Structures are given as C-alpha cells and as structure tokens.
Amino acid sequence: MYLSNSRFKRRAGLSVLYFIQGIPQGLIYFALLDWLTSVGFGISDIAIVMSLASLPWAFKILIGPFVDTLKSSKMGKRKPWIFFSLFASSLIFFISSNYISNELSALSIGLCLFTVILFTSILDVATDALAIDTLSKDERGISNGLMWASRTIGVSSAAVFASFTINKIGLKETFLFFGFLNLFFSLFILLIRENKSDRLLSLKSTKKIKFSFYKKTIFDLYNISKAPVFILLMGFCLLSNISFGMHYVSISNLFIVSNNWDNSNLTEIRSFGLYIGAAVAIFGGYLSDRISPYRVIIVSQIMIAFVFLLIAFFETNISNFYIGSLIIFIISALGSFLMAASLSLCMGLSKTTVAASQFALLMSIRHFSRIVGEWSAGILDYNDVSLSNLYFIMFLISFLPVITIYKMKHFIDKT
C-alpha cells in the first residue's frame, strides 16, 4: 500500500497504525488496571502503576526531534521508527512476562509498563508525524476522527481479550500473547510504504545523517513556541488532562470497591463504551472541520465537568448496572469528542518543518497533565480524601482548560 496514492489509502493506512497503537493501551489502562483493583490495589497503588506507565508519553518532546532528524532511510521518513518501536515492544513483552507475574508490586509492575509504553510512545510520535506529512489541511479533522476511532477500537478489543486471558490463563501468558501480536504487526508494517519509491526493508540512508539538524530542530521549535498563541495552546494542554488523570486512577475503585462490580464486567463495559467513543470521535472531527475545534472543546469540557459533579454526589449509588454503564458511556463519548477536536487544533497549528517535534511537545504536555492528575489523586487518597471529594475536585479542575481555550480563541479572533 502506498499512502501517497489517494485520500482513501492515507486514511486507511493511518487508521491501521492507530489501531495497532491502541493494542497495548487496552491491556494496560483497562484490563490490567481493573484486575489489579480486584486483587487489592488501592487508588494510591494504582496511581504509582499508572503514572509510571504514563511517564514515557511525557518524553515525546525528546523523541520528536530524533524522529525529525533521522528520516533519511530508503524505507521512508517515518516507517523505520514505526517498525523499530513495534519490534522492540514485542521483545519487552517477552522479557517482562516472567518478571511481572512473579513480582506483583506497584513499583515492579509500573517499571515494566514504563518500558512497554516507551516504545509505544515512539510509535505514536512517528505515526503523528506521518499523518502531518501526508494529510492535507481540509481532511485533518475527519481523518483525526477516523484515526482516533481506530485507536479506540484497538484499545477496546485488546481490553476485552486481555481481561479474559488474565482471569482465565494468567498474567504471564497474556504478556506472551501480546508480545507475539506486536511481532506480527511489526512484520505487517513492512508492507506499507509512504511513497512508491520507498523500499519494503532497507538499513541504508538516502543521505548522510547530520545530528546538527537535531540542534536546529530544537532551535526552530523554541522560536515557534515563543508565539503567544502557542504559549496559550501549551497552557491548554497542560490543564486539559488533569481531571481525566484523576478519573483514570479512580474509576476502578469507584465501581469495584464502592459499588461491588466484577472486574471483568467493568472492563467489558468500559471497552464497549470506547466503541461509542469511536463513533463520537468521527463526529467530533467532522464538527472541528465544519465549525471550530474551539467550540467543540469548550462544550465537551463543560459537559465532562458536570458528569464528574454527578458522580461526586452519587458515588455509592451507581451500583445499578444500567446507570453505571450509562455514566461510563457518557464519559467515554465526551472524552473522545474532546480528544478529536484537541488533536485537530494541535495538528492544525503544527508547522511541517518540525512537525513531529512540535506536535510531540504538545502531546508531551497533555500526558504530563495526566500524570499530574494521577499523582494528585494518589496523594489525596493517601491523605484519606474520600472518593466523592476527589470527583468534586475533578469537577472544579475541569473548568481550567475552558478558561484557557476561551482566551486563546479570543486572542486569535483579535489578530
């Protein structure tokens, strides 16, 4: 498949890559998270595991300049990075399978997951850069919706399968399976080419690698980042994921501990909610193209805040399967709606000269924001703050990115 051939092939190829990217995240952030809660891990333990697993996403700013510098392979600009990250992550799954099943502590599990997500973040940066390279301006919104939807489907299907295998055959066997799955995907990627002239597999470069370009990339990124609109955009990214980070480490305890749900049932419902989110992501991308990503972000963020407020008031009254499921579906839909618009906004303001680095900077800040939220929830739980109070704090924090994005839109309208 040549991605440069047609709009359909670009969207299909990028969607496949985003689907693959979601596979390990379904295992880690859904099935494993819910299972750990069921075997006695509290919010503070989950905060340690998830913050370590999330930390590599914040390193994307360091990864981006390397992806922009090392892009002279005869395989294409981004494909070598995609192939390398998948192959390396498969090896990590194989190596970790014994260790993680024998040493069931928050720190040891977190360190294993840190390594897996490190290579997944490299895949993410390379795929984002490929999208910026190949997508035209008028197709970014809907394409981002399709890509986010594909990633969501990958997360969901992996979560359901991983939940089944962890509960039925064990953690070690599940990690081994995911290792073989990533190995298969790394070989599959060899069949995708960015341009017709690219080779399927080659270790040679089209020109000599100059690491001085890395310094130039950092310098160009610094100059772009000084722009007032970009400073506001970074501020939005820094605030946008704090409440969600707090929610992600609390949701399993909310349902399993406070409302007596079974961990496998919770994973299945959360995974099904992602399918709803996938459809909504496409709609969010469409609206971002047709209306404005700013409006989509503001409306969805305010709605998310009030869902958190409802949870704060009715924390122990969502044991009802249908009511609890509805809450999960609403949060999933609003989160995907918000993400599609946020990606469209960040991608639209990224310059192609340093595409991977600039977009990676924004995504690093977003993931750092999530880590801040995860650690905040862990610290508050350690100091005996109740779950309902945690969700009330999430409600208040959810308004901070609304204020920032409103100021950003107002600034752009004036200029």
Protein backbone atom coordinates (compact mmCIF):
# COMPACT_ATOMS: atom_id res chain seq x y z
CA MET A 1 0.00 0.00 0.00
CA TYR A 2 1.31 3.46 -0.96
CA LEU A 3 -0.07 6.16 1.37
CA SER A 4 0.60 8.93 -1.14
CA ASN A 5 -1.64 7.39 -3.79
CA SER A 6 -5.08 8.50 -2.62
CA ARG A 7 -7.03 10.01 0.25
CA PHE A 8 -8.65 6.65 0.97
CA LYS A 9 -5.28 4.88 1.26
CA ARG A 10 -3.90 7.61 3.52
CA ARG A 11 -6.85 7.37 5.86
CA ALA A 12 -6.90 3.56 5.78
CA GLY A 13 -3.15 3.22 6.38
CA LEU A 14 -3.09 5.76 9.20
CA SER A 15 -6.18 4.21 10.78
CA VAL A 16 -4.47 0.80 10.82
CA LEU A 17 -1.43 2.32 12.52
CA TYR A 18 -3.58 3.98 15.17
CA PHE A 19 -5.45 0.70 15.72
CA ILE A 20 -2.13 -1.07 16.36
CA GLN A 21 -1.08 1.75 18.69
CA GLY A 22 -4.14 1.12 20.86
CA ILE A 23 -3.44 -2.61 21.48
CA PRO A 24 -1.01 -2.34 24.44
CA GLN A 25 -3.02 0.52 25.91
CA GLY A 26 -6.12 -1.68 26.11
CA LEU A 27 -4.15 -4.21 28.12
CA ILE A 28 -2.51 -1.69 30.45
CA TYR A 29 -5.08 1.05 31.05
CA PHE A 30 -8.18 -1.15 31.13
CA ALA A 31 -7.83 -4.91 31.70
CA LEU A 32 -4.75 -4.77 33.94
CA LEU A 33 -5.97 -1.71 35.84
CA ASP A 34 -9.33 -3.32 36.69
CA TRP A 35 -7.70 -6.66 37.56
CA LEU A 36 -5.17 -5.05 39.91
CA THR A 37 -8.01 -3.29 41.73
CA SER A 38 -9.83 -6.62 42.12
CA VAL A 39 -6.77 -8.19 43.81
CA GLY A 40 -6.45 -5.38 46.37
CA PHE A 41 -4.59 -2.46 44.77
CA GLY A 42 -5.89 0.86 46.13
CA ILE A 43 -6.02 4.26 44.40
CA SER A 44 -2.54 5.21 45.66
CA ASP A 45 -1.11 1.89 44.35
CA ILE A 46 -2.86 2.35 41.01
CA ALA A 47 -1.51 5.93 40.89
CA ILE A 48 2.07 4.57 41.13
CA VAL A 49 1.47 1.96 38.41
CA MET A 50 -0.36 4.29 36.00
CA SER A 51 1.91 7.32 36.49
CA LEU A 52 4.98 5.18 35.71
CA ALA A 53 3.17 3.70 32.71
CA SER A 54 2.14 7.18 31.54
CA LEU A 55 5.54 8.83 32.07
CA PRO A 56 7.01 7.89 28.64
CA TRP A 57 4.24 9.87 26.95
CA ALA A 58 5.77 12.98 28.51
CA PHE A 59 9.10 12.08 26.85
CA LYS A 60 7.62 12.61 23.39
CA ILE A 61 9.23 16.05 23.30
CA LEU A 62 12.66 14.32 23.44
CA ILE A 63 11.62 11.65 20.93
CA GLY A 64 10.16 14.08 18.39
CA PRO A 65 13.44 15.79 17.37
CA PHE A 66 15.07 12.37 16.80
CA VAL A 67 12.17 11.36 14.54
CA ASP A 68 12.55 14.63 12.64
CA THR A 69 16.34 14.24 12.43
CA LEU A 70 16.62 10.57 11.45
CA LYS A 71 14.33 10.49 8.41
CA SER A 72 16.62 9.58 5.53
CA SER A 73 16.01 5.84 5.35
CA LYS A 74 15.29 4.21 1.99
CA MET A 75 12.26 2.67 3.73
CA GLY A 76 10.74 6.15 4.07
CA LYS A 77 10.83 9.04 6.55
CA ARG A 78 8.73 7.54 9.33
CA LYS A 79 8.40 3.80 8.61
CA PRO A 80 11.75 2.75 10.22
CA TRP A 81 10.65 4.29 13.52
CA ILE A 82 7.27 2.55 13.33
CA PHE A 83 8.85 -0.83 12.57
CA PHE A 84 11.53 -0.45 15.28
CA SER A 85 9.05 0.55 18.00
CA LEU A 86 6.75 -2.41 17.34
CA PHE A 87 9.59 -4.92 17.15
CA ALA A 88 11.18 -3.58 20.36
CA SER A 89 7.90 -3.57 22.28
CA SER A 90 7.32 -7.22 21.33
CA LEU A 91 10.69 -8.10 22.88
CA ILE A 92 9.78 -6.16 26.05
CA PHE A 93 6.55 -8.12 26.40
CA PHE A 94 8.51 -11.38 26.12
CA ILE A 95 11.12 -10.28 28.68
CA SER A 96 8.55 -8.85 31.11
CA SER A 97 6.21 -11.86 31.05
CA ASN A 98 8.14 -13.78 33.73
CA TYR A 99 9.13 -10.85 35.89
CA ILE A 100 5.73 -9.12 36.08
CA SER A 101 3.88 -12.32 37.06
CA ASN A 102 6.34 -13.18 39.85
CA GLU A 103 6.74 -9.71 41.37
CA LEU A 104 3.24 -8.31 41.91
CA SER A 105 4.10 -4.93 43.42
CA ALA A 106 3.07 -1.46 42.26
CA LEU A 107 6.66 -0.37 41.57
CA SER A 108 7.76 -3.50 39.64
CA ILE A 109 4.61 -3.57 37.50
CA GLY A 110 4.91 0.14 36.84
CA LEU A 111 8.53 -0.18 35.67
CA CYS A 112 7.64 -3.00 33.26
CA LEU A 113 4.78 -1.00 31.82
CA PHE A 114 7.02 2.08 31.60
CA THR A 115 9.24 0.22 29.10
CA VAL A 116 6.30 -1.04 27.04
CA ILE A 117 4.77 2.43 26.79
CA LEU A 118 8.17 3.99 26.00
CA PHE A 119 8.24 2.17 22.66
CA THR A 120 4.52 2.77 22.16
CA SER A 121 5.19 6.50 22.54
CA ILE A 122 7.88 6.27 19.81
CA LEU A 123 5.27 4.61 17.59
CA ASP A 124 2.84 7.39 18.47
CA VAL A 125 5.27 10.20 17.58
CA ALA A 126 6.23 8.59 14.27
CA THR A 127 2.59 7.96 13.34
CA ASP A 128 1.58 11.53 14.23
CA ALA A 129 4.43 12.86 12.09
CA LEU A 130 3.38 10.61 9.21
CA ALA A 131 -0.17 11.97 9.48
CA ILE A 132 1.07 15.58 9.39
CA ASP A 133 3.32 14.75 6.41
CA THR A 134 0.60 13.13 4.32
CA LEU A 135 -2.75 14.73 5.24
CA SER A 136 -3.95 17.88 3.51
CA LYS A 137 -5.42 20.74 5.56
CA ASP A 138 -9.02 20.10 4.51
CA GLU A 139 -9.00 16.45 5.65
CA ARG A 140 -7.30 16.74 9.04
CA GLY A 141 -10.46 16.96 11.14
CA ILE A 142 -12.30 13.93 9.78
CA SER A 143 -9.03 11.99 9.43
CA ASN A 144 -8.20 12.68 13.08
CA GLY A 145 -11.65 11.44 13.98
CA LEU A 146 -11.10 8.23 11.98
CA MET A 147 -7.63 7.71 13.45
CA TRP A 148 -8.82 8.29 17.00
CA ALA A 149 -11.76 5.96 16.38
CA SER A 150 -9.40 3.26 15.07
CA ARG A 151 -7.16 3.63 18.09
CA THR A 152 -10.22 3.41 20.32
CA ILE A 153 -11.33 0.18 18.65
CA GLY A 154 -7.81 -1.22 19.15
CA VAL A 155 -7.88 -0.29 22.84
CA SER A 156 -11.35 -1.74 23.32
CA SER A 157 -10.78 -5.07 21.58
CA ALA A 158 -7.44 -5.55 23.36
CA ALA A 159 -9.01 -4.71 26.73
CA VAL A 160 -11.78 -7.29 26.40
CA PHE A 161 -9.42 -10.00 25.22
CA ALA A 162 -6.78 -9.20 27.85
CA SER A 163 -9.37 -9.23 30.64
CA PHE A 164 -10.46 -12.71 29.56
CA THR A 165 -6.93 -14.10 29.30
CA ILE A 166 -5.69 -12.58 32.59
CA ASN A 167 -8.63 -14.04 34.51
CA LYS A 168 -8.62 -17.42 32.73
CA ILE A 169 -5.00 -18.30 31.92
CA GLY A 170 -2.83 -15.79 33.81
CA LEU A 171 -0.80 -12.61 33.52
CA LYS A 172 2.36 -14.27 32.13
CA GLU A 173 0.53 -15.94 29.25
CA THR A 174 -1.28 -12.70 28.42
CA PHE A 175 2.02 -10.80 28.14
CA LEU A 176 3.46 -13.55 25.92
CA PHE A 177 0.46 -13.32 23.59
CA PHE A 178 0.78 -9.55 23.28
CA GLY A 179 4.48 -10.00 22.52
CA PHE A 180 3.65 -12.28 19.58
CA LEU A 181 0.91 -9.89 18.46
CA ASN A 182 3.28 -6.91 18.31
CA LEU A 183 5.85 -9.04 16.50
CA PHE A 184 3.24 -9.87 13.86
CA PHE A 185 2.30 -6.19 13.49
CA SER A 186 5.96 -5.18 13.07
CA LEU A 187 6.25 -7.59 10.13
CA PHE A 188 2.93 -6.40 8.70
CA ILE A 189 4.14 -2.78 8.72
CA LEU A 190 6.86 -3.71 6.24
CA LEU A 191 4.14 -3.99 3.58
CA ILE A 192 3.11 -0.33 3.97
CA ARG A 193 5.08 2.33 2.07
CA GLU A 194 4.82 6.09 2.27
CA ASN A 195 5.78 6.56 -1.39
CA LYS A 196 6.19 4.26 -4.38
CA SER A 197 9.96 4.79 -4.42
CA ASP A 198 10.40 3.56 -0.83
CA ARG A 199 11.76 0.07 -0.20
CA LEU A 200 9.96 -2.53 1.87
CA LEU A 201 13.05 -3.13 4.03
CA SER A 202 16.40 -1.37 3.97
CA LEU A 203 19.02 -0.35 6.52
CA LYS A 204 20.55 2.25 4.21
CA SER A 205 20.02 6.02 4.23
CA THR A 206 19.43 8.24 1.22
CA LYS A 207 21.88 10.78 2.61
CA LYS A 208 24.36 11.17 5.44
CA ILE A 209 22.76 11.73 8.84
CA LYS A 210 23.64 15.12 10.31
CA PHE A 211 22.95 15.36 14.01
CA SER A 212 23.45 19.09 13.77
CA PHE A 213 19.89 19.05 12.45
CA TYR A 214 18.77 17.97 15.92
CA LYS A 215 20.10 21.25 17.31
CA LYS A 216 18.40 23.20 14.50
CA THR A 217 15.13 21.36 15.20
CA ILE A 218 15.28 22.35 18.88
CA PHE A 219 16.09 25.94 17.92
CA ASP A 220 13.21 26.12 15.41
CA LEU A 221 10.87 24.58 17.96
CA TYR A 222 11.93 27.17 20.53
CA ASN A 223 11.23 30.04 18.12
CA ILE A 224 7.79 28.66 17.26
CA SER A 225 6.97 28.11 20.92
CA LYS A 226 7.56 31.79 21.75
CA ALA A 227 4.48 32.82 19.78
CA PRO A 228 1.67 34.00 22.12
CA VAL A 229 -0.91 31.69 20.55
CA PHE A 230 1.38 28.70 21.01
CA ILE A 231 2.01 29.62 24.65
CA LEU A 232 -1.75 29.63 25.21
CA LEU A 233 -2.04 26.30 23.38
CA MET A 234 0.62 24.79 25.66
CA GLY A 235 -1.29 26.16 28.65
CA PHE A 236 -4.44 24.45 27.42
CA CYS A 237 -2.58 21.14 27.01
CA LEU A 238 -1.07 21.48 30.49
CA LEU A 239 -4.51 21.86 32.11
CA SER A 240 -6.61 19.69 29.82
CA ASN A 241 -5.88 16.23 31.23
CA ILE A 242 -5.53 16.74 35.00
CA SER A 243 -9.13 15.83 35.82
CA PHE A 244 -9.06 12.85 33.46
CA GLY A 245 -5.82 11.64 35.06
CA MET A 246 -7.53 11.71 38.44
CA HIS A 247 -10.54 9.88 36.98
CA TYR A 248 -8.49 7.12 35.30
CA VAL A 249 -6.88 6.02 38.58
CA SER A 250 -10.17 6.28 40.48
CA ILE A 251 -12.71 4.64 38.16
CA SER A 252 -11.87 1.04 39.08
CA ASN A 253 -12.23 1.76 42.80
CA LEU A 254 -15.42 3.71 42.12
CA PHE A 255 -17.11 0.68 40.59
CA ILE A 256 -15.31 -2.36 42.05
CA VAL A 257 -14.78 -1.20 45.66
CA SER A 258 -17.58 1.34 46.22
CA ASN A 259 -20.25 -0.36 44.12
CA ASN A 260 -19.22 -4.06 44.10
CA TRP A 261 -18.84 -4.56 40.34
CA ASP A 262 -16.92 -7.55 39.00
CA ASN A 263 -13.60 -6.50 37.41
CA SER A 264 -14.18 -8.39 34.14
CA ASN A 265 -17.68 -6.88 33.79
CA LEU A 266 -16.25 -3.40 34.37
CA THR A 267 -13.57 -3.92 31.71
CA GLU A 268 -16.20 -5.13 29.23
CA ILE A 269 -18.46 -2.13 29.83
CA ARG A 270 -15.55 0.33 29.65
CA SER A 271 -14.41 -1.35 26.43
CA PHE A 272 -17.87 -1.20 24.91
CA GLY A 273 -18.00 2.47 25.87
CA LEU A 274 -14.93 3.01 23.74
CA TYR A 275 -16.87 1.88 20.65
CA ILE A 276 -19.37 4.63 21.35
CA GLY A 277 -16.42 6.97 21.78
CA ALA A 278 -15.02 5.87 18.42
CA ALA A 279 -18.21 6.91 16.61
CA VAL A 280 -18.35 10.18 18.52
CA ALA A 281 -14.68 10.90 17.69
CA ILE A 282 -15.50 10.87 13.98
CA PHE A 283 -18.39 13.27 14.58
CA GLY A 284 -16.13 15.48 16.70
CA GLY A 285 -13.56 15.59 13.90
CA TYR A 286 -16.29 16.47 11.40
CA LEU A 287 -17.55 19.32 13.57
CA SER A 288 -13.99 20.57 14.06
CA ASP A 289 -13.66 20.86 10.26
CA ARG A 290 -17.08 22.43 9.74
CA ILE A 291 -17.48 24.66 12.80
CA SER A 292 -14.43 25.14 15.01
CA PRO A 293 -12.37 22.92 17.32
CA TYR A 294 -12.59 25.67 19.95
CA ARG A 295 -16.35 25.38 20.28
CA VAL A 296 -16.23 21.58 20.38
CA ILE A 297 -13.59 21.67 23.13
CA ILE A 298 -15.45 24.21 25.29
CA VAL A 299 -18.83 22.46 25.12
CA SER A 300 -17.48 18.96 25.72
CA GLN A 301 -15.22 20.09 28.59
CA ILE A 302 -18.12 21.76 30.42
CA MET A 303 -20.29 18.66 29.98
CA ILE A 304 -17.50 16.45 31.37
CA ALA A 305 -17.23 18.72 34.43
CA PHE A 306 -20.89 18.23 35.28
CA VAL A 307 -20.69 14.45 34.85
CA PHE A 308 -17.89 14.46 37.47
CA LEU A 309 -20.13 16.57 39.71
CA LEU A 310 -22.94 14.00 39.45
CA ILE A 311 -20.50 11.21 40.40
CA ALA A 312 -19.38 13.27 43.42
CA PHE A 313 -22.98 13.47 44.65
CA PHE A 314 -23.98 9.87 43.89
CA GLU A 315 -20.70 7.98 44.40
CA THR A 316 -22.21 4.98 46.22
CA ASN A 317 -25.48 4.94 44.28
CA ILE A 318 -24.31 3.71 40.89
CA SER A 319 -24.23 0.01 41.71
CA ASN A 320 -27.15 -0.34 39.31
CA PHE A 321 -25.68 -1.91 36.18
CA TYR A 322 -27.56 0.28 33.70
CA ILE A 323 -26.98 3.59 35.47
CA GLY A 324 -23.28 2.82 35.97
CA SER A 325 -22.93 1.74 32.35
CA LEU A 326 -24.60 4.94 31.16
CA ILE A 327 -22.13 7.05 33.14
CA ILE A 328 -19.19 5.13 31.62
CA PHE A 329 -20.61 5.56 28.11
CA ILE A 330 -21.15 9.30 28.55
CA ILE A 331 -17.60 9.89 29.84
CA SER A 332 -16.14 7.80 27.02
CA ALA A 333 -18.16 9.67 24.38
CA LEU A 334 -17.32 13.12 25.73
CA GLY A 335 -13.63 12.20 26.14
CA SER A 336 -13.35 11.04 22.51
CA PHE A 337 -15.31 14.07 21.29
CA LEU A 338 -12.89 16.33 23.15
CA MET A 339 -9.79 14.44 22.01
CA ALA A 340 -10.68 14.57 18.28
CA ALA A 341 -11.12 18.34 18.49
CA SER A 342 -7.94 18.80 20.56
CA LEU A 343 -5.87 16.75 18.09
CA SER A 344 -7.29 18.70 15.17
CA LEU A 345 -6.43 22.00 16.89
CA CYS A 346 -2.87 20.95 17.80
CA MET A 347 -2.18 19.42 14.38
CA GLY A 348 -3.54 22.47 12.58
CA LEU A 349 -1.10 24.74 14.45
CA SER A 350 1.94 22.47 13.88
CA LYS A 351 4.42 23.54 11.20
CA THR A 352 5.60 20.83 8.78
CA THR A 353 9.27 21.82 9.19
CA VAL A 354 9.31 20.46 12.74
CA ALA A 355 6.01 18.57 12.66
CA ALA A 356 6.99 15.64 14.85
CA SER A 357 8.75 17.82 17.41
CA GLN A 358 6.04 20.47 17.72
CA PHE A 359 3.16 18.00 17.89
CA ALA A 360 5.19 15.80 20.26
CA LEU A 361 5.74 18.81 22.54
CA LEU A 362 2.01 19.44 22.75
CA MET A 363 1.21 15.78 23.35
CA SER A 364 4.00 15.53 25.95
CA ILE A 365 2.43 18.40 27.85
CA ARG A 366 -1.01 16.72 27.64
CA HIS A 367 0.39 13.46 29.00
CA PHE A 368 2.32 15.29 31.73
CA SER A 369 -1.01 16.87 32.63
CA ARG A 370 -2.48 13.38 33.01
CA ILE A 371 0.45 12.30 35.23
CA VAL A 372 -0.15 15.35 37.44
CA GLY A 373 -3.75 14.22 37.78
CA GLU A 374 -2.77 10.62 38.58
CA TRP A 375 -0.28 11.66 41.25
CA SER A 376 -2.74 14.20 42.67
CA ALA A 377 -5.39 11.52 43.08
CA GLY A 378 -2.85 9.17 44.69
CA ILE A 379 -1.67 11.82 47.15
CA LEU A 380 -5.21 12.85 48.05
CA ASP A 381 -6.21 9.21 48.56
CA TYR A 382 -3.12 8.62 50.72
CA ASN A 383 -4.31 11.53 52.88
CA ASP A 384 -7.76 9.91 53.24
CA VAL A 385 -9.68 12.24 50.92
CA SER A 386 -12.94 10.49 50.06
CA LEU A 387 -13.78 9.36 46.53
CA SER A 388 -16.74 11.73 46.32
CA ASN A 389 -14.47 14.66 47.26
CA LEU A 390 -11.97 13.52 44.63
CA TYR A 391 -14.66 13.76 41.95
CA PHE A 392 -15.76 17.17 43.23
CA ILE A 393 -12.16 18.37 42.81
CA MET A 394 -12.22 16.93 39.26
CA PHE A 395 -15.36 18.98 38.60
CA LEU A 396 -13.61 22.22 39.62
CA ILE A 397 -10.38 21.46 37.73
CA SER A 398 -12.31 20.69 34.52
CA PHE A 399 -13.10 24.40 34.08
CA LEU A 400 -9.43 25.46 33.91
CA PRO A 401 -8.87 24.33 30.26
CA VAL A 402 -12.18 26.01 29.29
CA ILE A 403 -10.86 29.36 30.52
CA THR A 404 -7.57 28.86 28.66
CA ILE A 405 -9.10 27.80 25.34
CA TYR A 406 -11.58 30.72 25.52
CA LYS A 407 -8.69 33.17 25.93
CA MET A 408 -6.85 31.51 23.06
CA LYS A 409 -9.85 31.82 20.72
CA HIS A 410 -10.34 35.44 21.76
CA PHE A 411 -6.65 36.18 21.04
CA ILE A 412 -6.81 34.58 17.56
CA ASP A 413 -10.02 36.44 16.71
CA LYS A 414 -8.33 39.75 17.62
CA THR A 415 -5.26 39.03 15.48
